[in-house]
Each structure stands twice: as structure tokens, then as C-alpha cells.
Amino acid sequence: MKYFTPPEFACSHCGLSEMSTKFTHALDELRGRCGFPFVITSGYRCPYHPKEAVKPTPGTHNKGIAGDVLCTSSFERYVILKEAMLMGVFTGIGIGPDFIHLDIRKTTPVTWVYS
């Protein structure tokens, strides 16, 4: 990877970083296409991470195929979304108030807004 290191994706609960190389390479390419730095606010989440422990089935973060990117402006949000859609590899895209969730789930592509 050109722009990221494995510790950036480590679980905030336990410190493990079991990320899919397909995902991290896609995110690395997206970062290059966007032309500005990305801060990963959430990468891998172990089964005991507070957000994973309450789910009935493991989420995409737990599977190592998702990451949340800090988004501090509407311009960054636009560029990240545009480039992610153009790449065609991210099949789950969530828009939060200050982050973009990206994942490579194997189901029908979806997008959502966090409230």
C-alpha cells in the first residue's frame, strides 16, 4: 500500500488488524484518486468490539472488508463518493455526518445515510 499502514486499520478494542488485502488496496487506490489524505476512523473490529458485540451476525468491519474515512467537508464527501462510485468495487457506502463508510460486501450494492 502506498498511503496506509496496517496499524491504521487496527481494532480500537483489541488492536488486531485482520483486513482484507482486496479492501485495503481498493481504499489505497481511492485515496490516490481523491488526491487528499484519508484518516481511518474505524477499520477492523473484533467480535468483542462494542459495536460488533451487539450485532446478531458479524458486520463488514468484523470481516475486514470495511472502513470508515473521516470526512471534514462537503467537497471531500463529494470527491470520495464520486471516485468510489467510479471505481465500482465498493458495494456498501454509508454517509455519516463526519465520515464515509466503504465496504466490499458480496451482496446487492447498497448505500445509506446514518442518522
N, C-alpha and C. Protein backbone atom coordinates (compact mmCIF):
# COMPACT_ATOMS: atom_id res chain seq x y z
N MET A 1 0.84 -1.18 0.00
CA MET A 1 0.00 0.00 0.00
C MET A 1 0.88 1.24 0.00
N LYS A 2 0.42 2.24 -0.68
CA LYS A 2 1.17 3.49 -0.80
C LYS A 2 0.81 4.48 0.30
N TYR A 3 -0.45 4.55 0.69
CA TYR A 3 -0.92 5.60 1.58
C TYR A 3 -1.25 5.16 3.00
N PHE A 4 -1.34 3.87 3.26
CA PHE A 4 -1.77 3.38 4.56
C PHE A 4 -0.80 2.36 5.13
N THR A 5 -0.87 2.19 6.45
CA THR A 5 -0.12 1.13 7.12
C THR A 5 -1.13 0.28 7.89
N PRO A 6 -0.84 -0.99 8.12
CA PRO A 6 -1.78 -1.86 8.83
C PRO A 6 -2.27 -1.32 10.17
N PRO A 7 -1.43 -0.67 10.99
CA PRO A 7 -1.94 -0.16 12.27
C PRO A 7 -3.10 0.83 12.14
N GLU A 8 -3.22 1.50 11.00
CA GLU A 8 -4.32 2.45 10.81
C GLU A 8 -5.68 1.75 10.78
N PHE A 9 -5.68 0.46 10.51
CA PHE A 9 -6.92 -0.32 10.42
C PHE A 9 -7.18 -1.16 11.67
N ALA A 10 -6.33 -1.04 12.69
CA ALA A 10 -6.42 -1.88 13.88
C ALA A 10 -7.70 -1.62 14.67
N CYS A 11 -8.22 -2.67 15.26
CA CYS A 11 -9.41 -2.59 16.10
C CYS A 11 -9.11 -1.71 17.31
N SER A 12 -9.98 -0.76 17.58
CA SER A 12 -9.79 0.13 18.72
C SER A 12 -10.03 -0.59 20.05
N HIS A 13 -10.62 -1.78 19.99
CA HIS A 13 -10.90 -2.54 21.21
C HIS A 13 -9.72 -3.44 21.59
N CYS A 14 -9.17 -4.17 20.61
CA CYS A 14 -8.14 -5.17 20.93
C CYS A 14 -6.80 -4.95 20.22
N GLY A 15 -6.79 -4.10 19.18
CA GLY A 15 -5.54 -3.82 18.48
C GLY A 15 -5.25 -4.72 17.28
N LEU A 16 -6.07 -5.75 17.06
CA LEU A 16 -5.86 -6.62 15.89
C LEU A 16 -6.21 -5.87 14.61
N SER A 17 -5.57 -6.27 13.51
CA SER A 17 -5.87 -5.69 12.21
C SER A 17 -5.94 -6.82 11.19
N GLU A 18 -7.11 -7.40 11.04
CA GLU A 18 -7.31 -8.53 10.13
C GLU A 18 -8.10 -8.07 8.91
N MET A 19 -7.47 -7.20 8.14
CA MET A 19 -8.14 -6.61 6.98
C MET A 19 -7.89 -7.41 5.71
N SER A 20 -8.87 -7.40 4.83
CA SER A 20 -8.76 -7.99 3.51
C SER A 20 -7.80 -7.13 2.67
N THR A 21 -6.85 -7.78 2.01
CA THR A 21 -5.94 -7.02 1.15
C THR A 21 -6.70 -6.43 -0.04
N LYS A 22 -7.73 -7.11 -0.50
CA LYS A 22 -8.54 -6.55 -1.59
C LYS A 22 -9.14 -5.21 -1.16
N PHE A 23 -9.66 -5.16 0.07
CA PHE A 23 -10.25 -3.92 0.55
C PHE A 23 -9.19 -2.84 0.73
N THR A 24 -8.10 -3.16 1.43
CA THR A 24 -7.11 -2.12 1.70
C THR A 24 -6.46 -1.59 0.43
N HIS A 25 -6.27 -2.44 -0.56
CA HIS A 25 -5.71 -1.97 -1.83
C HIS A 25 -6.71 -1.09 -2.58
N ALA A 26 -7.98 -1.45 -2.51
CA ALA A 26 -9.01 -0.61 -3.15
C ALA A 26 -9.09 0.75 -2.46
N LEU A 27 -9.03 0.77 -1.13
CA LEU A 27 -9.06 2.04 -0.41
C LEU A 27 -7.81 2.87 -0.70
N ASP A 28 -6.68 2.20 -0.83
CA ASP A 28 -5.43 2.88 -1.17
C ASP A 28 -5.55 3.53 -2.56
N GLU A 29 -6.13 2.81 -3.50
CA GLU A 29 -6.34 3.37 -4.84
C GLU A 29 -7.31 4.56 -4.78
N LEU A 30 -8.37 4.42 -4.01
CA LEU A 30 -9.34 5.50 -3.87
C LEU A 30 -8.67 6.74 -3.30
N ARG A 31 -7.84 6.56 -2.29
CA ARG A 31 -7.14 7.69 -1.68
C ARG A 31 -6.28 8.40 -2.73
N GLY A 32 -5.58 7.65 -3.56
CA GLY A 32 -4.77 8.24 -4.62
C GLY A 32 -5.61 8.99 -5.64
N ARG A 33 -6.74 8.44 -5.98
CA ARG A 33 -7.64 9.11 -6.93
C ARG A 33 -8.21 10.41 -6.38
N CYS A 34 -8.45 10.42 -5.06
CA CYS A 34 -9.04 11.61 -4.44
C CYS A 34 -8.02 12.74 -4.30
N GLY A 35 -6.77 12.41 -4.07
CA GLY A 35 -5.73 13.43 -4.01
C GLY A 35 -5.61 14.17 -2.68
N PHE A 36 -6.22 13.66 -1.64
CA PHE A 36 -6.06 14.25 -0.31
C PHE A 36 -5.98 13.13 0.71
N PRO A 37 -5.37 13.39 1.87
CA PRO A 37 -5.19 12.34 2.88
C PRO A 37 -6.51 11.82 3.43
N PHE A 38 -6.50 10.54 3.81
CA PHE A 38 -7.63 9.91 4.47
C PHE A 38 -7.21 9.58 5.90
N VAL A 39 -8.12 9.80 6.84
CA VAL A 39 -7.95 9.32 8.21
C VAL A 39 -8.96 8.21 8.42
N ILE A 40 -8.46 7.03 8.79
CA ILE A 40 -9.34 5.89 9.04
C ILE A 40 -9.86 6.00 10.47
N THR A 41 -11.17 6.17 10.62
CA THR A 41 -11.74 6.29 11.96
C THR A 41 -12.19 4.94 12.50
N SER A 42 -12.39 3.97 11.62
CA SER A 42 -12.72 2.61 12.05
C SER A 42 -12.38 1.65 10.92
N GLY A 43 -11.58 0.67 11.24
CA GLY A 43 -11.22 -0.37 10.27
C GLY A 43 -11.74 -1.71 10.77
N TYR A 44 -10.80 -2.60 11.09
CA TYR A 44 -11.19 -3.91 11.61
C TYR A 44 -11.83 -3.74 12.99
N ARG A 45 -12.87 -4.54 13.26
CA ARG A 45 -13.49 -4.60 14.59
C ARG A 45 -13.59 -6.07 15.00
N CYS A 46 -12.95 -6.41 16.10
CA CYS A 46 -13.02 -7.78 16.60
C CYS A 46 -14.45 -8.08 17.06
N PRO A 47 -14.78 -9.35 17.29
CA PRO A 47 -16.14 -9.70 17.72
C PRO A 47 -16.54 -9.07 19.06
N TYR A 48 -15.54 -8.65 19.86
CA TYR A 48 -15.82 -8.08 21.18
C TYR A 48 -15.85 -6.55 21.16
N HIS A 49 -15.59 -5.97 20.01
CA HIS A 49 -15.70 -4.51 19.89
C HIS A 49 -17.14 -4.12 20.25
N PRO A 50 -17.34 -3.06 21.01
CA PRO A 50 -18.70 -2.70 21.45
C PRO A 50 -19.73 -2.58 20.32
N LYS A 51 -19.33 -2.13 19.15
CA LYS A 51 -20.29 -2.00 18.05
C LYS A 51 -20.57 -3.34 17.38
N GLU A 52 -19.65 -4.29 17.48
CA GLU A 52 -19.86 -5.62 16.88
C GLU A 52 -20.56 -6.56 17.85
N ALA A 53 -20.25 -6.44 19.13
CA ALA A 53 -20.78 -7.37 20.13
C ALA A 53 -22.30 -7.35 20.23
N VAL A 54 -22.93 -6.24 19.84
CA VAL A 54 -24.39 -6.15 19.93
C VAL A 54 -25.10 -6.62 18.66
N LYS A 55 -24.36 -6.94 17.62
CA LYS A 55 -24.97 -7.37 16.36
C LYS A 55 -25.29 -8.87 16.39
N PRO A 56 -26.40 -9.26 15.77
CA PRO A 56 -26.74 -10.69 15.73
C PRO A 56 -25.78 -11.50 14.85
N THR A 57 -25.24 -10.87 13.80
CA THR A 57 -24.25 -11.51 12.93
C THR A 57 -23.11 -10.52 12.69
N PRO A 58 -21.92 -11.03 12.44
CA PRO A 58 -20.78 -10.13 12.23
C PRO A 58 -21.01 -9.16 11.06
N GLY A 59 -20.58 -7.94 11.26
CA GLY A 59 -20.70 -6.92 10.21
C GLY A 59 -19.49 -6.91 9.30
N THR A 60 -19.49 -6.01 8.35
CA THR A 60 -18.40 -5.93 7.37
C THR A 60 -17.08 -5.50 8.00
N HIS A 61 -17.14 -4.68 9.06
CA HIS A 61 -15.89 -4.31 9.75
C HIS A 61 -15.26 -5.57 10.37
N ASN A 62 -16.08 -6.42 10.98
CA ASN A 62 -15.59 -7.64 11.61
C ASN A 62 -15.00 -8.60 10.58
N LYS A 63 -15.50 -8.54 9.36
CA LYS A 63 -14.99 -9.41 8.30
C LYS A 63 -13.73 -8.83 7.65
N GLY A 64 -13.35 -7.61 8.05
CA GLY A 64 -12.15 -6.99 7.49
C GLY A 64 -12.32 -6.44 6.10
N ILE A 65 -13.58 -6.19 5.72
CA ILE A 65 -13.85 -5.69 4.36
C ILE A 65 -14.50 -4.32 4.37
N ALA A 66 -14.28 -3.55 5.46
CA ALA A 66 -14.90 -2.24 5.57
C ALA A 66 -13.99 -1.27 6.31
N GLY A 67 -14.20 0.00 6.02
CA GLY A 67 -13.50 1.05 6.74
C GLY A 67 -14.30 2.32 6.70
N ASP A 68 -14.12 3.13 7.74
CA ASP A 68 -14.74 4.44 7.79
C ASP A 68 -13.65 5.49 7.62
N VAL A 69 -13.91 6.46 6.75
CA VAL A 69 -12.96 7.51 6.44
C VAL A 69 -13.50 8.83 6.96
N LEU A 70 -12.70 9.55 7.75
CA LEU A 70 -13.09 10.86 8.25
C LEU A 70 -13.37 11.78 7.07
N CYS A 71 -14.45 12.53 7.16
CA CYS A 71 -14.84 13.43 6.09
C CYS A 71 -15.18 14.78 6.72
N THR A 72 -14.34 15.78 6.46
CA THR A 72 -14.49 17.06 7.17
C THR A 72 -15.09 18.18 6.34
N SER A 73 -15.41 17.90 5.08
CA SER A 73 -16.02 18.96 4.27
C SER A 73 -16.94 18.33 3.22
N SER A 74 -17.87 19.13 2.75
CA SER A 74 -18.78 18.64 1.72
C SER A 74 -18.03 18.37 0.42
N PHE A 75 -16.95 19.11 0.17
CA PHE A 75 -16.14 18.85 -1.03
C PHE A 75 -15.48 17.48 -0.94
N GLU A 76 -14.86 17.16 0.21
CA GLU A 76 -14.24 15.85 0.37
C GLU A 76 -15.29 14.74 0.23
N ARG A 77 -16.45 14.94 0.83
CA ARG A 77 -17.52 13.96 0.74
C ARG A 77 -17.88 13.71 -0.73
N TYR A 78 -18.04 14.77 -1.49
CA TYR A 78 -18.38 14.65 -2.91
C TYR A 78 -17.31 13.86 -3.66
N VAL A 79 -16.06 14.24 -3.47
CA VAL A 79 -14.96 13.59 -4.20
C VAL A 79 -14.85 12.12 -3.83
N ILE A 80 -14.93 11.81 -2.53
CA ILE A 80 -14.84 10.41 -2.10
C ILE A 80 -15.97 9.59 -2.71
N LEU A 81 -17.18 10.11 -2.63
CA LEU A 81 -18.33 9.39 -3.19
C LEU A 81 -18.22 9.22 -4.70
N LYS A 82 -17.85 10.28 -5.38
CA LYS A 82 -17.74 10.22 -6.84
C LYS A 82 -16.70 9.18 -7.26
N GLU A 83 -15.52 9.26 -6.69
CA GLU A 83 -14.44 8.34 -7.08
C GLU A 83 -14.75 6.91 -6.66
N ALA A 84 -15.35 6.73 -5.49
CA ALA A 84 -15.71 5.38 -5.05
C ALA A 84 -16.71 4.75 -6.01
N MET A 85 -17.68 5.53 -6.44
CA MET A 85 -18.68 5.01 -7.38
C MET A 85 -18.04 4.69 -8.73
N LEU A 86 -17.15 5.55 -9.19
CA LEU A 86 -16.48 5.32 -10.48
C LEU A 86 -15.62 4.05 -10.45
N MET A 87 -15.01 3.77 -9.32
CA MET A 87 -14.18 2.57 -9.21
C MET A 87 -15.01 1.30 -9.34
N GLY A 88 -16.24 1.32 -8.83
CA GLY A 88 -17.12 0.17 -8.97
C GLY A 88 -16.78 -1.02 -8.08
N VAL A 89 -15.88 -0.88 -7.14
CA VAL A 89 -15.51 -2.00 -6.28
C VAL A 89 -16.20 -1.93 -4.92
N PHE A 90 -16.55 -0.74 -4.47
CA PHE A 90 -17.20 -0.57 -3.18
C PHE A 90 -18.71 -0.80 -3.35
N THR A 91 -19.22 -1.82 -2.66
CA THR A 91 -20.61 -2.20 -2.83
C THR A 91 -21.48 -1.81 -1.64
N GLY A 92 -20.86 -1.26 -0.61
CA GLY A 92 -21.57 -0.71 0.53
C GLY A 92 -21.00 0.66 0.83
N ILE A 93 -21.83 1.68 0.75
CA ILE A 93 -21.38 3.04 1.01
C ILE A 93 -22.38 3.71 1.94
N GLY A 94 -21.89 4.10 3.11
CA GLY A 94 -22.71 4.78 4.09
C GLY A 94 -22.21 6.19 4.30
N ILE A 95 -23.13 7.13 4.41
CA ILE A 95 -22.77 8.53 4.57
C ILE A 95 -23.13 8.97 5.98
N GLY A 96 -22.12 9.28 6.76
CA GLY A 96 -22.32 9.76 8.12
C GLY A 96 -22.10 11.26 8.19
N PRO A 97 -22.36 11.85 9.34
CA PRO A 97 -22.20 13.30 9.48
C PRO A 97 -20.76 13.77 9.30
N ASP A 98 -19.79 12.90 9.69
CA ASP A 98 -18.38 13.29 9.55
C ASP A 98 -17.50 12.13 9.07
N PHE A 99 -18.12 11.15 8.40
CA PHE A 99 -17.36 10.03 7.86
C PHE A 99 -18.11 9.40 6.68
N ILE A 100 -17.35 8.65 5.90
CA ILE A 100 -17.91 7.82 4.83
C ILE A 100 -17.52 6.38 5.14
N HIS A 101 -18.50 5.49 5.19
CA HIS A 101 -18.25 4.05 5.35
C HIS A 101 -18.15 3.46 3.95
N LEU A 102 -17.12 2.64 3.74
CA LEU A 102 -16.94 1.95 2.47
C LEU A 102 -16.71 0.47 2.75
N ASP A 103 -17.34 -0.40 1.97
CA ASP A 103 -17.08 -1.82 2.12
C ASP A 103 -17.20 -2.53 0.79
N ILE A 104 -16.78 -3.79 0.80
CA ILE A 104 -16.81 -4.60 -0.43
C ILE A 104 -17.64 -5.86 -0.21
N ARG A 105 -18.83 -5.69 0.34
CA ARG A 105 -19.75 -6.81 0.59
C ARG A 105 -20.09 -7.52 -0.71
N LYS A 106 -20.50 -8.76 -0.61
CA LYS A 106 -20.80 -9.57 -1.80
C LYS A 106 -22.29 -9.65 -2.09
N THR A 107 -23.06 -8.70 -1.61
CA THR A 107 -24.49 -8.70 -1.87
C THR A 107 -24.83 -7.59 -2.86
N THR A 108 -26.11 -7.37 -3.06
CA THR A 108 -26.55 -6.27 -3.90
C THR A 108 -25.96 -4.97 -3.39
N PRO A 109 -25.39 -4.14 -4.27
CA PRO A 109 -24.83 -2.86 -3.82
C PRO A 109 -25.88 -2.00 -3.11
N VAL A 110 -25.44 -1.36 -2.03
CA VAL A 110 -26.33 -0.52 -1.23
C VAL A 110 -25.62 0.76 -0.81
N THR A 111 -26.42 1.77 -0.54
CA THR A 111 -25.92 2.99 0.06
C THR A 111 -26.95 3.45 1.07
N TRP A 112 -26.50 4.13 2.11
CA TRP A 112 -27.40 4.58 3.17
C TRP A 112 -26.83 5.83 3.83
N VAL A 113 -27.67 6.45 4.63
CA VAL A 113 -27.30 7.64 5.38
C VAL A 113 -27.48 7.33 6.86
N TYR A 114 -26.46 7.62 7.65
CA TYR A 114 -26.56 7.45 9.10
C TYR A 114 -27.30 8.63 9.68
N SER A 115 -28.18 8.37 10.66
CA SER A 115 -28.90 9.48 11.28
C SER A 115 -28.27 9.85 12.60
